[in-house]
Amino acid sequence: MDVVLDLLFTSPIGLLSLFTILFIIGMAFFLIGWYKRKIDNPEE
């Protein structure tokens, strides 16, 4: 497991993968909040 984390945080491909994972999670939270606001307030 230590080798996997070392590869994730030190290699360029690992950092790109980490950025992609964090971006997708952040986008999911944003979209969930946006959809909830639209459902609660359909007039906007």
C-alpha atoms as a PDB file:
ATOM      1  CA  MET A   1       0.000   0.000   0.000  1.00  0.00           C
ATOM      2  CA  ASP A   2       2.915   2.340   0.706  1.00  0.00           C
ATOM      3  CA  VAL A   3       4.153   1.957  -2.871  1.00  0.00           C
ATOM      4  CA  VAL A   4       0.729   2.882  -4.235  1.00  0.00           C
ATOM      5  CA  LEU A   5       0.502   6.054  -2.152  1.00  0.00           C
ATOM      6  CA  ASP A   6       4.077   6.968  -3.055  1.00  0.00           C
ATOM      7  CA  LEU A   7       3.243   6.577  -6.743  1.00  0.00           C
ATOM      8  CA  LEU A   8       0.018   8.595  -6.346  1.00  0.00           C
ATOM      9  CA  PHE A   9       1.669  11.581  -4.652  1.00  0.00           C
ATOM     10  CA  THR A  10       5.039  11.728  -6.402  1.00  0.00           C
ATOM     11  CA  SER A  11       4.617  10.799 -10.074  1.00  0.00           C
ATOM     12  CA  PRO A  12       3.079  13.178 -12.614  1.00  0.00           C
ATOM     13  CA  ILE A  13       0.471  10.601 -13.670  1.00  0.00           C
ATOM     14  CA  GLY A  14      -0.435   9.978 -10.037  1.00  0.00           C
ATOM     15  CA  LEU A  15      -0.893  13.696  -9.389  1.00  0.00           C
ATOM     16  CA  LEU A  16      -3.066  14.047 -12.491  1.00  0.00           C
ATOM     17  CA  SER A  17      -5.160  11.106 -11.313  1.00  0.00           C
ATOM     18  CA  LEU A  18      -5.493  12.619  -7.841  1.00  0.00           C
ATOM     19  CA  PHE A  19      -6.531  15.975  -9.313  1.00  0.00           C
ATOM     20  CA  THR A  20      -9.113  14.252 -11.534  1.00  0.00           C
ATOM     21  CA  ILE A  21     -10.601  12.310  -8.616  1.00  0.00           C
ATOM     22  CA  LEU A  22     -10.834  15.443  -6.454  1.00  0.00           C
ATOM     23  CA  PHE A  23     -12.324  17.446  -9.324  1.00  0.00           C
ATOM     24  CA  ILE A  24     -15.048  14.846  -9.947  1.00  0.00           C
ATOM     25  CA  ILE A  25     -15.921  14.707  -6.226  1.00  0.00           C
ATOM     26  CA  GLY A  26     -16.064  18.518  -6.052  1.00  0.00           C
ATOM     27  CA  MET A  27     -18.213  18.692  -9.166  1.00  0.00           C
ATOM     28  CA  ALA A  28     -20.599  16.109  -7.682  1.00  0.00           C
ATOM     29  CA  PHE A  29     -21.047  18.189  -4.504  1.00  0.00           C
ATOM     30  CA  PHE A  30     -21.641  21.319  -6.585  1.00  0.00           C
ATOM     31  CA  LEU A  31     -24.232  19.638  -8.787  1.00  0.00           C
ATOM     32  CA  ILE A  32     -26.038  18.068  -5.824  1.00  0.00           C
ATOM     33  CA  GLY A  33     -26.326  21.485  -4.166  1.00  0.00           C
ATOM     34  CA  TRP A  34     -27.425  23.133  -7.404  1.00  0.00           C
ATOM     35  CA  TYR A  35     -30.098  20.518  -8.087  1.00  0.00           C
ATOM     36  CA  LYS A  36     -31.387  20.776  -4.506  1.00  0.00           C
ATOM     37  CA  ARG A  37     -31.726  24.562  -4.876  1.00  0.00           C
ATOM     38  CA  LYS A  38     -33.564  24.113  -8.186  1.00  0.00           C
ATOM     39  CA  ILE A  39     -35.939  21.536  -6.685  1.00  0.00           C
ATOM     40  CA  ASP A  40     -36.698  23.738  -3.662  1.00  0.00           C
ATOM     41  CA  ASN A  41     -37.154  26.889  -5.775  1.00  0.00           C
ATOM     42  CA  PRO A  42     -38.493  25.976  -9.239  1.00  0.00           C
ATOM     43  CA  GLU A  43     -39.366  29.616 -10.086  1.00  0.00           C
ATOM     44  CA  GLU A  44     -35.740  30.691 -10.527  1.00  0.00           C
END
